[in-house]
Amino acid sequence: MTERLNVGQIALLVVYATGMTAGQLLFKAAALRVDDGHPLSKRALLLLQDAPFIGAIALYSALSVLWVWLLTFTPLSRAYPFVAIAFALTPVLGALVFAEPLSARLLVGIAVIACGLVLVVG
């Protein structure tokens, strides 16, 4: 029988997954700020000076440290399904923040992800 996650582990895994979503929102904000008329090398230089991009890199760095620490006391097979929270949350926040479309099919997929997470955690 697989060991159940405690409330602290679940909370940290949710923080990790929501942080991944925040990082994706920062990357999208950076993408919108960089002029795609420039060659790739120029865009790379612009990104290195862009606050949302720098924030996303810093956040992902911190989340990587959190993830490795979490894995010292949480089985990967129990932790990794929580990454699915980001798969569900990112499109919803993308729609709210950036007015991106949300189709019925995508919403059904998000519901399936949520059900799967409940099955894995439960």
PDB file of N, CA and C in Angstrom:
ATOM      1  N   MET A   1       0.846  -1.185   0.000  1.00  0.00           N
ATOM      2  CA  MET A   1       0.000   0.000   0.000  1.00  0.00           C
ATOM      3  C   MET A   1       0.888   1.243   0.000  1.00  0.00           C
ATOM      4  N   THR A   2       0.526   2.213  -0.811  1.00  0.00           N
ATOM      5  CA  THR A   2       1.302   3.441  -0.911  1.00  0.00           C
ATOM      6  C   THR A   2       1.011   4.344   0.276  1.00  0.00           C
ATOM      7  N   GLU A   3       2.048   4.938   0.791  1.00  0.00           N
ATOM      8  CA  GLU A   3       1.928   5.855   1.916  1.00  0.00           C
ATOM      9  C   GLU A   3       1.134   7.093   1.497  1.00  0.00           C
ATOM     10  N   ARG A   4       0.198   7.507   2.345  1.00  0.00           N
ATOM     11  CA  ARG A   4      -0.606   8.706   2.063  1.00  0.00           C
ATOM     12  C   ARG A   4       0.224   9.951   2.333  1.00  0.00           C
ATOM     13  N   LEU A   5      -0.044  10.982   1.565  1.00  0.00           N
ATOM     14  CA  LEU A   5       0.625  12.264   1.781  1.00  0.00           C
ATOM     15  C   LEU A   5      -0.024  12.976   2.954  1.00  0.00           C
ATOM     16  N   ASN A   6       0.788  13.680   3.741  1.00  0.00           N
ATOM     17  CA  ASN A   6       0.218  14.454   4.837  1.00  0.00           C
ATOM     18  C   ASN A   6      -0.171  15.846   4.331  1.00  0.00           C
ATOM     19  N   VAL A   7      -0.865  16.583   5.163  1.00  0.00           N
ATOM     20  CA  VAL A   7      -1.368  17.904   4.778  1.00  0.00           C
ATOM     21  C   VAL A   7      -0.226  18.841   4.394  1.00  0.00           C
ATOM     22  N   GLY A   8       0.878  18.776   5.099  1.00  0.00           N
ATOM     23  CA  GLY A   8       2.025  19.626   4.782  1.00  0.00           C
ATOM     24  C   GLY A   8       2.597  19.327   3.406  1.00  0.00           C
ATOM     25  N   GLN A   9       2.715  18.043   3.086  1.00  0.00           N
ATOM     26  CA  GLN A   9       3.216  17.664   1.758  1.00  0.00           C
ATOM     27  C   GLN A   9       2.267  18.151   0.666  1.00  0.00           C
ATOM     28  N   ILE A  10       0.981  17.948   0.882  1.00  0.00           N
ATOM     29  CA  ILE A  10      -0.007  18.383  -0.111  1.00  0.00           C
ATOM     30  C   ILE A  10       0.061  19.891  -0.297  1.00  0.00           C
ATOM     31  N   ALA A  11       0.161  20.629   0.803  1.00  0.00           N
ATOM     32  CA  ALA A  11       0.235  22.094   0.708  1.00  0.00           C
ATOM     33  C   ALA A  11       1.461  22.529  -0.090  1.00  0.00           C
ATOM     34  N   LEU A  12       2.603  21.919   0.182  1.00  0.00           N
ATOM     35  CA  LEU A  12       3.823  22.280  -0.548  1.00  0.00           C
ATOM     36  C   LEU A  12       3.734  21.908  -2.025  1.00  0.00           C
ATOM     37  N   LEU A  13       3.097  20.792  -2.320  1.00  0.00           N
ATOM     38  CA  LEU A  13       2.923  20.391  -3.715  1.00  0.00           C
ATOM     39  C   LEU A  13       1.980  21.342  -4.450  1.00  0.00           C
ATOM     40  N   VAL A  14       0.961  21.823  -3.761  1.00  0.00           N
ATOM     41  CA  VAL A  14       0.058  22.812  -4.362  1.00  0.00           C
ATOM     42  C   VAL A  14       0.798  24.128  -4.584  1.00  0.00           C
ATOM     43  N   VAL A  15       1.629  24.525  -3.635  1.00  0.00           N
ATOM     44  CA  VAL A  15       2.453  25.731  -3.818  1.00  0.00           C
ATOM     45  C   VAL A  15       3.345  25.564  -5.042  1.00  0.00           C
ATOM     46  N   TYR A  16       3.956  24.403  -5.172  1.00  0.00           N
ATOM     47  CA  TYR A  16       4.818  24.145  -6.325  1.00  0.00           C
ATOM     48  C   TYR A  16       4.030  24.280  -7.627  1.00  0.00           C
ATOM     49  N   ALA A  17       2.890  23.625  -7.700  1.00  0.00           N
ATOM     50  CA  ALA A  17       2.105  23.631  -8.939  1.00  0.00           C
ATOM     51  C   ALA A  17       1.575  25.022  -9.273  1.00  0.00           C
ATOM     52  N   THR A  18       1.116  25.754  -8.273  1.00  0.00           N
ATOM     53  CA  THR A  18       0.626  27.107  -8.552  1.00  0.00           C
ATOM     54  C   THR A  18       1.787  28.032  -8.911  1.00  0.00           C
ATOM     55  N   GLY A  19       2.945  27.772  -8.345  1.00  0.00           N
ATOM     56  CA  GLY A  19       4.133  28.535  -8.738  1.00  0.00           C
ATOM     57  C   GLY A  19       4.500  28.289 -10.192  1.00  0.00           C
ATOM     58  N   MET A  20       4.349  27.040 -10.643  1.00  0.00           N
ATOM     59  CA  MET A  20       4.600  26.730 -12.056  1.00  0.00           C
ATOM     60  C   MET A  20       3.643  27.518 -12.948  1.00  0.00           C
ATOM     61  N   THR A  21       2.391  27.616 -12.527  1.00  0.00           N
ATOM     62  CA  THR A  21       1.413  28.400 -13.283  1.00  0.00           C
ATOM     63  C   THR A  21       1.810  29.870 -13.303  1.00  0.00           C
ATOM     64  N   ALA A  22       2.214  30.398 -12.165  1.00  0.00           N
ATOM     65  CA  ALA A  22       2.646  31.800 -12.113  1.00  0.00           C
ATOM     66  C   ALA A  22       3.827  32.034 -13.050  1.00  0.00           C
ATOM     67  N   GLY A  23       4.746  31.090 -13.087  1.00  0.00           N
ATOM     68  CA  GLY A  23       5.886  31.207 -13.995  1.00  0.00           C
ATOM     69  C   GLY A  23       5.452  31.249 -15.451  1.00  0.00           C
ATOM     70  N   GLN A  24       4.475  30.416 -15.809  1.00  0.00           N
ATOM     71  CA  GLN A  24       3.974  30.426 -17.185  1.00  0.00           C
ATOM     72  C   GLN A  24       3.311  31.755 -17.528  1.00  0.00           C
ATOM     73  N   LEU A  25       2.589  32.334 -16.573  1.00  0.00           N
ATOM     74  CA  LEU A  25       1.973  33.645 -16.806  1.00  0.00           C
ATOM     75  C   LEU A  25       3.042  34.719 -16.997  1.00  0.00           C
ATOM     76  N   LEU A  26       4.109  34.636 -16.236  1.00  0.00           N
ATOM     77  CA  LEU A  26       5.215  35.582 -16.413  1.00  0.00           C
ATOM     78  C   LEU A  26       5.889  35.395 -17.767  1.00  0.00           C
ATOM     79  N   PHE A  27       6.080  34.148 -18.187  1.00  0.00           N
ATOM     80  CA  PHE A  27       6.665  33.899 -19.509  1.00  0.00           C
ATOM     81  C   PHE A  27       5.770  34.466 -20.614  1.00  0.00           C
ATOM     82  N   LYS A  28       4.460  34.303 -20.478  1.00  0.00           N
ATOM     83  CA  LYS A  28       3.538  34.841 -21.486  1.00  0.00           C
ATOM     84  C   LYS A  28       3.607  36.363 -21.506  1.00  0.00           C
ATOM     85  N   ALA A  29       3.652  36.977 -20.324  1.00  0.00           N
ATOM     86  CA  ALA A  29       3.775  38.438 -20.258  1.00  0.00           C
ATOM     87  C   ALA A  29       5.057  38.891 -20.941  1.00  0.00           C
ATOM     88  N   ALA A  30       6.131  38.176 -20.721  1.00  0.00           N
ATOM     89  CA  ALA A  30       7.405  38.514 -21.370  1.00  0.00           C
ATOM     90  C   ALA A  30       7.295  38.349 -22.880  1.00  0.00           C
ATOM     91  N   ALA A  31       6.650  37.285 -23.318  1.00  0.00           N
ATOM     92  CA  ALA A  31       6.505  37.037 -24.759  1.00  0.00           C
ATOM     93  C   ALA A  31       5.733  38.159 -25.436  1.00  0.00           C
ATOM     94  N   LEU A  32       4.737  38.682 -24.752  1.00  0.00           N
ATOM     95  CA  LEU A  32       3.938  39.764 -25.324  1.00  0.00           C
ATOM     96  C   LEU A  32       4.702  41.082 -25.388  1.00  0.00           C
ATOM     97  N   ARG A  33       5.710  41.217 -24.558  1.00  0.00           N
ATOM     98  CA  ARG A  33       6.481  42.462 -24.502  1.00  0.00           C
ATOM     99  C   ARG A  33       7.642  42.494 -25.487  1.00  0.00           C
ATOM    100  N   VAL A  34       8.038  41.337 -25.986  1.00  0.00           N
ATOM    101  CA  VAL A  34       9.188  41.274 -26.893  1.00  0.00           C
ATOM    102  C   VAL A  34       8.678  41.348 -28.329  1.00  0.00           C
ATOM    103  N   ASP A  35       9.195  42.288 -29.077  1.00  0.00           N
ATOM    104  CA  ASP A  35       8.780  42.501 -30.459  1.00  0.00           C
ATOM    105  C   ASP A  35       9.236  41.331 -31.319  1.00  0.00           C
ATOM    106  N   ASP A  36       8.286  40.654 -31.950  1.00  0.00           N
ATOM    107  CA  ASP A  36       8.671  39.504 -32.764  1.00  0.00           C
ATOM    108  C   ASP A  36       9.240  39.904 -34.120  1.00  0.00           C
ATOM    109  N   GLY A  37       9.330  41.197 -34.385  1.00  0.00           N
ATOM    110  CA  GLY A  37       9.956  41.656 -35.619  1.00  0.00           C
ATOM    111  C   GLY A  37      11.476  41.623 -35.557  1.00  0.00           C
ATOM    112  N   HIS A  38      12.012  41.430 -34.368  1.00  0.00           N
ATOM    113  CA  HIS A  38      13.465  41.376 -34.196  1.00  0.00           C
ATOM    114  C   HIS A  38      13.980  39.968 -34.472  1.00  0.00           C
ATOM    115  N   PRO A  39      15.233  39.846 -34.885  1.00  0.00           N
ATOM    116  CA  PRO A  39      15.823  38.505 -34.997  1.00  0.00           C
ATOM    117  C   PRO A  39      15.912  37.859 -33.613  1.00  0.00           C
ATOM    118  N   LEU A  40      16.018  36.551 -33.612  1.00  0.00           N
ATOM    119  CA  LEU A  40      16.036  35.799 -32.355  1.00  0.00           C
ATOM    120  C   LEU A  40      17.115  36.291 -31.400  1.00  0.00           C
ATOM    121  N   SER A  41      18.299  36.593 -31.903  1.00  0.00           N
ATOM    122  CA  SER A  41      19.386  37.049 -31.022  1.00  0.00           C
ATOM    123  C   SER A  41      19.007  38.353 -30.326  1.00  0.00           C
ATOM    124  N   LYS A  42      18.340  39.253 -31.025  1.00  0.00           N
ATOM    125  CA  LYS A  42      17.908  40.528 -30.430  1.00  0.00           C
ATOM    126  C   LYS A  42      16.809  40.275 -29.397  1.00  0.00           C
ATOM    127  N   ARG A  43      15.890  39.372 -29.717  1.00  0.00           N
ATOM    128  CA  ARG A  43      14.824  39.047 -28.765  1.00  0.00           C
ATOM    129  C   ARG A  43      15.399  38.433 -27.495  1.00  0.00           C
ATOM    130  N   ALA A  44      16.419  37.605 -27.639  1.00  0.00           N
ATOM    131  CA  ALA A  44      17.052  36.997 -26.464  1.00  0.00           C
ATOM    132  C   ALA A  44      17.650  38.073 -25.569  1.00  0.00           C
ATOM    133  N   LEU A  45      18.303  39.047 -26.169  1.00  0.00           N
ATOM    134  CA  LEU A  45      18.873  40.150 -25.381  1.00  0.00           C
ATOM    135  C   LEU A  45      17.781  40.969 -24.711  1.00  0.00           C
ATOM    136  N   LEU A  46      16.683  41.202 -25.414  1.00  0.00           N
ATOM    137  CA  LEU A  46      15.565  41.940 -24.821  1.00  0.00           C
ATOM    138  C   LEU A  46      14.967  41.166 -23.645  1.00  0.00           C
ATOM    139  N   LEU A  47      14.856  39.857 -23.793  1.00  0.00           N
ATOM    140  CA  LEU A  47      14.311  39.045 -22.704  1.00  0.00           C
ATOM    141  C   LEU A  47      15.185  39.108 -21.460  1.00  0.00           C
ATOM    142  N   LEU A  48      16.483  39.125 -21.657  1.00  0.00           N
ATOM    143  CA  LEU A  48      17.397  39.164 -20.511  1.00  0.00           C
ATOM    144  C   LEU A  48      17.281  40.458 -19.717  1.00  0.00           C
ATOM    145  N   GLN A  49      16.603  41.449 -20.288  1.00  0.00           N
ATOM    146  CA  GLN A  49      16.392  42.725 -19.607  1.00  0.00           C
ATOM    147  C   GLN A  49      14.931  42.914 -19.188  1.00  0.00           C
ATOM    148  N   ASP A  50      14.109  41.914 -19.423  1.00  0.00           N
ATOM    149  CA  ASP A  50      12.670  42.029 -19.197  1.00  0.00           C
ATOM    150  C   ASP A  50      12.287  41.512 -17.806  1.00  0.00           C
ATOM    151  N   ALA A  51      11.617  42.353 -17.028  1.00  0.00           N
ATOM    152  CA  ALA A  51      11.275  41.995 -15.647  1.00  0.00           C
ATOM    153  C   ALA A  51      10.420  40.726 -15.548  1.00  0.00           C
ATOM    154  N   PRO A  52       9.345  40.569 -16.334  1.00  0.00           N
ATOM    155  CA  PRO A  52       8.586  39.322 -16.221  1.00  0.00           C
ATOM    156  C   PRO A  52       9.418  38.079 -16.556  1.00  0.00           C
ATOM    157  N   PHE A  53      10.285  38.177 -17.550  1.00  0.00           N
ATOM    158  CA  PHE A  53      11.128  37.035 -17.906  1.00  0.00           C
ATOM    159  C   PHE A  53      12.102  36.715 -16.777  1.00  0.00           C
ATOM    160  N   ILE A  54      12.742  37.731 -16.246  1.00  0.00           N
ATOM    161  CA  ILE A  54      13.676  37.534 -15.132  1.00  0.00           C
ATOM    162  C   ILE A  54      12.933  36.953 -13.930  1.00  0.00           C
ATOM    163  N   GLY A  55      11.726  37.459 -13.677  1.00  0.00           N
ATOM    164  CA  GLY A  55      10.915  36.935 -12.581  1.00  0.00           C
ATOM    165  C   GLY A  55      10.564  35.473 -12.774  1.00  0.00           C
ATOM    166  N   ALA A  56      10.228  35.107 -14.010  1.00  0.00           N
ATOM    167  CA  ALA A  56       9.890  33.710 -14.303  1.00  0.00           C
ATOM    168  C   ALA A  56      11.092  32.798 -14.076  1.00  0.00           C
ATOM    169  N   ILE A  57      12.255  33.223 -14.538  1.00  0.00           N
ATOM    170  CA  ILE A  57      13.469  32.416 -14.349  1.00  0.00           C
ATOM    171  C   ILE A  57      13.788  32.277 -12.861  1.00  0.00           C
ATOM    172  N   ALA A  58      13.677  33.375 -12.116  1.00  0.00           N
ATOM    173  CA  ALA A  58      13.940  33.326 -10.674  1.00  0.00           C
ATOM    174  C   ALA A  58      12.935  32.413  -9.973  1.00  0.00           C
ATOM    175  N   LEU A  59      11.664  32.541 -10.354  1.00  0.00           N
ATOM    176  CA  LEU A  59      10.632  31.702  -9.749  1.00  0.00           C
ATOM    177  C   LEU A  59      10.873  30.228 -10.060  1.00  0.00           C
ATOM    178  N   TYR A  60      11.169  29.904 -11.314  1.00  0.00           N
ATOM    179  CA  TYR A  60      11.433  28.514 -11.679  1.00  0.00           C
ATOM    180  C   TYR A  60      12.675  27.969 -10.966  1.00  0.00           C
ATOM    181  N   SER A  61      13.658  28.815 -10.752  1.00  0.00           N
ATOM    182  CA  SER A  61      14.848  28.384 -10.002  1.00  0.00           C
ATOM    183  C   SER A  61      14.474  28.028  -8.569  1.00  0.00           C
ATOM    184  N   ALA A  62      13.702  28.899  -7.933  1.00  0.00           N
ATOM    185  CA  ALA A  62      13.267  28.637  -6.560  1.00  0.00           C
ATOM    186  C   ALA A  62      12.381  27.393  -6.498  1.00  0.00           C
ATOM    187  N   LEU A  63      11.501  27.237  -7.486  1.00  0.00           N
ATOM    188  CA  LEU A  63      10.632  26.063  -7.513  1.00  0.00           C
ATOM    189  C   LEU A  63      11.423  24.776  -7.720  1.00  0.00           C
ATOM    190  N   SER A  64      12.507  24.848  -8.461  1.00  0.00           N
ATOM    191  CA  SER A  64      13.357  23.665  -8.650  1.00  0.00           C
ATOM    192  C   SER A  64      13.976  23.231  -7.330  1.00  0.00           C
ATOM    193  N   VAL A  65      14.416  24.197  -6.547  1.00  0.00           N
ATOM    194  CA  VAL A  65      14.966  23.887  -5.222  1.00  0.00           C
ATOM    195  C   VAL A  65      13.876  23.286  -4.336  1.00  0.00           C
ATOM    196  N   LEU A  66      12.679  23.882  -4.363  1.00  0.00           N
ATOM    197  CA  LEU A  66      11.557  23.345  -3.586  1.00  0.00           C
ATOM    198  C   LEU A  66      11.242  21.913  -4.005  1.00  0.00           C
ATOM    199  N   TRP A  67      11.222  21.662  -5.310  1.00  0.00           N
ATOM    200  CA  TRP A  67      10.900  20.325  -5.822  1.00  0.00           C
ATOM    201  C   TRP A  67      11.908  19.280  -5.340  1.00  0.00           C
ATOM    202  N   VAL A  68      13.176  19.589  -5.459  1.00  0.00           N
ATOM    203  CA  VAL A  68      14.205  18.642  -5.016  1.00  0.00           C
ATOM    204  C   VAL A  68      14.063  18.383  -3.518  1.00  0.00           C
ATOM    205  N   TRP A  69      13.817  19.425  -2.741  1.00  0.00           N
ATOM    206  CA  TRP A  69      13.624  19.259  -1.304  1.00  0.00           C
ATOM    207  C   TRP A  69      12.394  18.395  -1.026  1.00  0.00           C
ATOM    208  N   LEU A  70      11.291  18.662  -1.736  1.00  0.00           N
ATOM    209  CA  LEU A  70      10.082  17.851  -1.560  1.00  0.00           C
ATOM    210  C   LEU A  70      10.346  16.368  -1.827  1.00  0.00           C
ATOM    211  N   LEU A  71      11.162  16.113  -2.844  1.00  0.00           N
ATOM    212  CA  LEU A  71      11.434  14.720  -3.204  1.00  0.00           C
ATOM    213  C   LEU A  71      12.308  14.002  -2.186  1.00  0.00           C
ATOM    214  N   THR A  72      12.909  14.738  -1.253  1.00  0.00           N
ATOM    215  CA  THR A  72      13.682  14.072  -0.204  1.00  0.00           C
ATOM    216  C   THR A  72      12.776  13.353   0.793  1.00  0.00           C
ATOM    217  N   PHE A  73      11.501  13.760   0.866  1.00  0.00           N
ATOM    218  CA  PHE A  73      10.587  13.115   1.807  1.00  0.00           C
ATOM    219  C   PHE A  73       9.231  12.757   1.199  1.00  0.00           C
ATOM    220  N   THR A  74       9.115  12.879  -0.123  1.00  0.00           N
ATOM    221  CA  THR A  74       7.868  12.534  -0.808  1.00  0.00           C
ATOM    222  C   THR A  74       8.201  11.644  -2.003  1.00  0.00           C
ATOM    223  N   PRO A  75       7.552  10.492  -2.132  1.00  0.00           N
ATOM    224  CA  PRO A  75       7.815   9.650  -3.300  1.00  0.00           C
ATOM    225  C   PRO A  75       7.452  10.385  -4.598  1.00  0.00           C
ATOM    226  N   LEU A  76       8.291  10.261  -5.599  1.00  0.00           N
ATOM    227  CA  LEU A  76       8.044  10.901  -6.890  1.00  0.00           C
ATOM    228  C   LEU A  76       6.698  10.467  -7.463  1.00  0.00           C
ATOM    229  N   SER A  77       6.375   9.198  -7.292  1.00  0.00           N
ATOM    230  CA  SER A  77       5.114   8.674  -7.825  1.00  0.00           C
ATOM    231  C   SER A  77       3.891   9.317  -7.178  1.00  0.00           C
ATOM    232  N   ARG A  78       4.041   9.850  -5.989  1.00  0.00           N
ATOM    233  CA  ARG A  78       2.944  10.545  -5.293  1.00  0.00           C
ATOM    234  C   ARG A  78       3.005  12.051  -5.527  1.00  0.00           C
ATOM    235  N   ALA A  79       4.190  12.581  -5.742  1.00  0.00           N
ATOM    236  CA  ALA A  79       4.348  14.026  -5.908  1.00  0.00           C
ATOM    237  C   ALA A  79       4.017  14.492  -7.321  1.00  0.00           C
ATOM    238  N   TYR A  80       4.479  13.747  -8.318  1.00  0.00           N
ATOM    239  CA  TYR A  80       4.385  14.238  -9.694  1.00  0.00           C
ATOM    240  C   TYR A  80       2.963  14.478 -10.185  1.00  0.00           C
ATOM    241  N   PRO A  81       1.980  13.685  -9.788  1.00  0.00           N
ATOM    242  CA  PRO A  81       0.619  13.982 -10.251  1.00  0.00           C
ATOM    243  C   PRO A  81       0.142  15.396  -9.897  1.00  0.00           C
ATOM    244  N   PHE A  82       0.710  15.998  -8.863  1.00  0.00           N
ATOM    245  CA  PHE A  82       0.313  17.354  -8.495  1.00  0.00           C
ATOM    246  C   PHE A  82       0.711  18.386  -9.547  1.00  0.00           C
ATOM    247  N   VAL A  83       1.664  18.039 -10.389  1.00  0.00           N
ATOM    248  CA  VAL A  83       2.040  18.931 -11.487  1.00  0.00           C
ATOM    249  C   VAL A  83       0.822  19.175 -12.379  1.00  0.00           C
ATOM    250  N   ALA A  84      -0.105  18.225 -12.397  1.00  0.00           N
ATOM    251  CA  ALA A  84      -1.318  18.359 -13.207  1.00  0.00           C
ATOM    252  C   ALA A  84      -2.152  19.569 -12.804  1.00  0.00           C
ATOM    253  N   ILE A  85      -2.000  20.037 -11.576  1.00  0.00           N
ATOM    254  CA  ILE A  85      -2.712  21.252 -11.166  1.00  0.00           C
ATOM    255  C   ILE A  85      -2.339  22.397 -12.096  1.00  0.00           C
ATOM    256  N   ALA A  86      -1.071  22.484 -12.431  1.00  0.00           N
ATOM    257  CA  ALA A  86      -0.623  23.545 -13.340  1.00  0.00           C
ATOM    258  C   ALA A  86      -1.236  23.369 -14.724  1.00  0.00           C
ATOM    259  N   PHE A  87      -1.399  22.120 -15.178  1.00  0.00           N
ATOM    260  CA  PHE A  87      -2.008  21.872 -16.489  1.00  0.00           C
ATOM    261  C   PHE A  87      -3.452  22.361 -16.516  1.00  0.00           C
ATOM    262  N   ALA A  88      -4.127  22.302 -15.379  1.00  0.00           N
ATOM    263  CA  ALA A  88      -5.513  22.747 -15.292  1.00  0.00           C
ATOM    264  C   ALA A  88      -5.615  24.251 -15.035  1.00  0.00           C
ATOM    265  N   LEU A  89      -4.772  24.751 -14.168  1.00  0.00           N
ATOM    266  CA  LEU A  89      -4.864  26.149 -13.746  1.00  0.00           C
ATOM    267  C   LEU A  89      -4.331  27.131 -14.789  1.00  0.00           C
ATOM    268  N   THR A  90      -3.285  26.757 -15.492  1.00  0.00           N
ATOM    269  CA  THR A  90      -2.658  27.675 -16.448  1.00  0.00           C
ATOM    270  C   THR A  90      -3.610  28.121 -17.558  1.00  0.00           C
ATOM    271  N   PRO A  91      -4.347  27.231 -18.209  1.00  0.00           N
ATOM    272  CA  PRO A  91      -5.262  27.710 -19.250  1.00  0.00           C
ATOM    273  C   PRO A  91      -6.367  28.621 -18.711  1.00  0.00           C
ATOM    274  N   VAL A  92      -6.863  28.320 -17.516  1.00  0.00           N
ATOM    275  CA  VAL A  92      -7.920  29.149 -16.928  1.00  0.00           C
ATOM    276  C   VAL A  92      -7.390  30.552 -16.648  1.00  0.00           C
ATOM    277  N   LEU A  93      -6.220  30.633 -16.037  1.00  0.00           N
ATOM    278  CA  LEU A  93      -5.644  31.951 -15.763  1.00  0.00           C
ATOM    279  C   LEU A  93      -5.194  32.642 -17.044  1.00  0.00           C
ATOM    280  N   GLY A  94      -4.765  31.878 -18.036  1.00  0.00           N
ATOM    281  CA  GLY A  94      -4.440  32.462 -19.335  1.00  0.00           C
ATOM    282  C   GLY A  94      -5.654  33.138 -19.948  1.00  0.00           C
ATOM    283  N   ALA A  95      -6.818  32.528 -19.764  1.00  0.00           N
ATOM    284  CA  ALA A  95      -8.060  33.124 -20.262  1.00  0.00           C
ATOM    285  C   ALA A  95      -8.414  34.386 -19.481  1.00  0.00           C
ATOM    286  N   LEU A  96      -8.249  34.331 -18.167  1.00  0.00           N
ATOM    287  CA  LEU A  96      -8.605  35.487 -17.338  1.00  0.00           C
ATOM    288  C   LEU A  96      -7.635  36.654 -17.506  1.00  0.00           C
ATOM    289  N   VAL A  97      -6.353  36.357 -17.551  1.00  0.00           N
ATOM    290  CA  VAL A  97      -5.337  37.413 -17.587  1.00  0.00           C
ATOM    291  C   VAL A  97      -5.072  37.911 -19.005  1.00  0.00           C
ATOM    292  N   PHE A  98      -5.046  37.000 -19.969  1.00  0.00           N
ATOM    293  CA  PHE A  98      -4.644  37.363 -21.337  1.00  0.00           C
ATOM    294  C   PHE A  98      -5.779  37.237 -22.357  1.00  0.00           C
ATOM    295  N   ALA A  99      -6.994  37.003 -21.879  1.00  0.00           N
ATOM    296  CA  ALA A  99      -8.173  36.877 -22.750  1.00  0.00           C
ATOM    297  C   ALA A  99      -7.995  35.786 -23.809  1.00  0.00           C
ATOM    298  N   GLU A 100      -7.306  34.720 -23.441  1.00  0.00           N
ATOM    299  CA  GLU A 100      -7.155  33.587 -24.346  1.00  0.00           C
ATOM    300  C   GLU A 100      -8.439  32.752 -24.318  1.00  0.00           C
ATOM    301  N   PRO A 101      -8.765  32.096 -25.423  1.00  0.00           N
ATOM    302  CA  PRO A 101     -10.025  31.341 -25.473  1.00  0.00           C
ATOM    303  C   PRO A 101      -9.974  30.060 -24.632  1.00  0.00           C
ATOM    304  N   LEU A 102     -11.121  29.725 -24.065  1.00  0.00           N
ATOM    305  CA  LEU A 102     -11.304  28.461 -23.346  1.00  0.00           C
ATOM    306  C   LEU A 102     -12.439  27.715 -24.037  1.00  0.00           C
ATOM    307  N   SER A 103     -12.143  26.612 -24.666  1.00  0.00           N
ATOM    308  CA  SER A 103     -13.182  25.833 -25.345  1.00  0.00           C
ATOM    309  C   SER A 103     -13.844  24.873 -24.358  1.00  0.00           C
ATOM    310  N   ALA A 104     -15.006  24.398 -24.743  1.00  0.00           N
ATOM    311  CA  ALA A 104     -15.698  23.400 -23.925  1.00  0.00           C
ATOM    312  C   ALA A 104     -14.842  22.141 -23.802  1.00  0.00           C
ATOM    313  N   ARG A 105     -14.178  21.785 -24.871  1.00  0.00           N
ATOM    314  CA  ARG A 105     -13.318  20.597 -24.861  1.00  0.00           C
ATOM    315  C   ARG A 105     -12.179  20.757 -23.846  1.00  0.00           C
ATOM    316  N   LEU A 106     -11.580  21.943 -23.800  1.00  0.00           N
ATOM    317  CA  LEU A 106     -10.510  22.212 -22.837  1.00  0.00           C
ATOM    318  C   LEU A 106     -11.045  22.134 -21.412  1.00  0.00           C
ATOM    319  N   LEU A 107     -12.227  22.688 -21.178  1.00  0.00           N
ATOM    320  CA  LEU A 107     -12.817  22.643 -19.837  1.00  0.00           C
ATOM    321  C   LEU A 107     -13.118  21.203 -19.410  1.00  0.00           C
ATOM    322  N   VAL A 108     -13.566  20.379 -20.341  1.00  0.00           N
ATOM    323  CA  VAL A 108     -13.790  18.962 -20.028  1.00  0.00           C
ATOM    324  C   VAL A 108     -12.458  18.295 -19.682  1.00  0.00           C
ATOM    325  N   GLY A 109     -11.423  18.609 -20.437  1.00  0.00           N
ATOM    326  CA  GLY A 109     -10.099  18.066 -20.145  1.00  0.00           C
ATOM    327  C   GLY A 109      -9.608  18.470 -18.768  1.00  0.00           C
ATOM    328  N   ILE A 110      -9.846  19.719 -18.399  1.00  0.00           N
ATOM    329  CA  ILE A 110      -9.458  20.200 -17.069  1.00  0.00           C
ATOM    330  C   ILE A 110     -10.223  19.437 -15.988  1.00  0.00           C
ATOM    331  N   ALA A 111     -11.501  19.184 -16.227  1.00  0.00           N
ATOM    332  CA  ALA A 111     -12.299  18.412 -15.265  1.00  0.00           C
ATOM    333  C   ALA A 111     -11.761  16.987 -15.126  1.00  0.00           C
ATOM    334  N   VAL A 112     -11.345  16.389 -16.235  1.00  0.00           N
ATOM    335  CA  VAL A 112     -10.769  15.037 -16.190  1.00  0.00           C
ATOM    336  C   VAL A 112      -9.465  15.047 -15.389  1.00  0.00           C
ATOM    337  N   ILE A 113      -8.644  16.073 -15.596  1.00  0.00           N
ATOM    338  CA  ILE A 113      -7.401  16.202 -14.824  1.00  0.00           C
ATOM    339  C   ILE A 113      -7.713  16.287 -13.335  1.00  0.00           C
ATOM    340  N   ALA A 114      -8.706  17.112 -12.980  1.00  0.00           N
ATOM    341  CA  ALA A 114      -9.077  17.274 -11.573  1.00  0.00           C
ATOM    342  C   ALA A 114      -9.548  15.944 -10.982  1.00  0.00           C
ATOM    343  N   CYS A 115     -10.353  15.209 -11.733  1.00  0.00           N
ATOM    344  CA  CYS A 115     -10.819  13.893 -11.254  1.00  0.00           C
ATOM    345  C   CYS A 115      -9.646  12.932 -11.072  1.00  0.00           C
ATOM    346  N   GLY A 116      -8.730  12.949 -11.999  1.00  0.00           N
ATOM    347  CA  GLY A 116      -7.552  12.091 -11.889  1.00  0.00           C
ATOM    348  C   GLY A 116      -6.724  12.413 -10.659  1.00  0.00           C
ATOM    349  N   LEU A 117      -6.568  13.687 -10.373  1.00  0.00           N
ATOM    350  CA  LEU A 117      -5.801  14.081  -9.194  1.00  0.00           C
ATOM    351  C   LEU A 117      -6.498  13.619  -7.917  1.00  0.00           C
ATOM    352  N   VAL A 118      -7.823  13.749  -7.889  1.00  0.00           N
ATOM    353  CA  VAL A 118      -8.579  13.277  -6.722  1.00  0.00           C
ATOM    354  C   VAL A 118      -8.380  11.769  -6.540  1.00  0.00           C
ATOM    355  N   LEU A 119      -8.391  11.025  -7.634  1.00  0.00           N
ATOM    356  CA  LEU A 119      -8.170   9.574  -7.546  1.00  0.00           C
ATOM    357  C   LEU A 119      -6.778   9.241  -7.020  1.00  0.00           C
ATOM    358  N   VAL A 120      -5.788   9.961  -7.494  1.00  0.00           N
ATOM    359  CA  VAL A 120      -4.405   9.687  -7.092  1.00  0.00           C
ATOM    360  C   VAL A 120      -4.173  10.065  -5.634  1.00  0.00           C
ATOM    361  N   VAL A 121      -4.696  11.216  -5.229  1.00  0.00           N
ATOM    362  CA  VAL A 121      -4.466  11.696  -3.861  1.00  0.00           C
ATOM    363  C   VAL A 121      -5.323  10.931  -2.867  1.00  0.00           C
ATOM    364  N   GLY A 122      -6.568  10.641  -3.275  1.00  0.00           N
ATOM    365  CA  GLY A 122      -7.539  10.009  -2.385  1.00  0.00           C
ATOM    366  C   GLY A 122      -7.079   8.698  -1.877  1.00  0.00           C
TER     367      GLY A 122
END
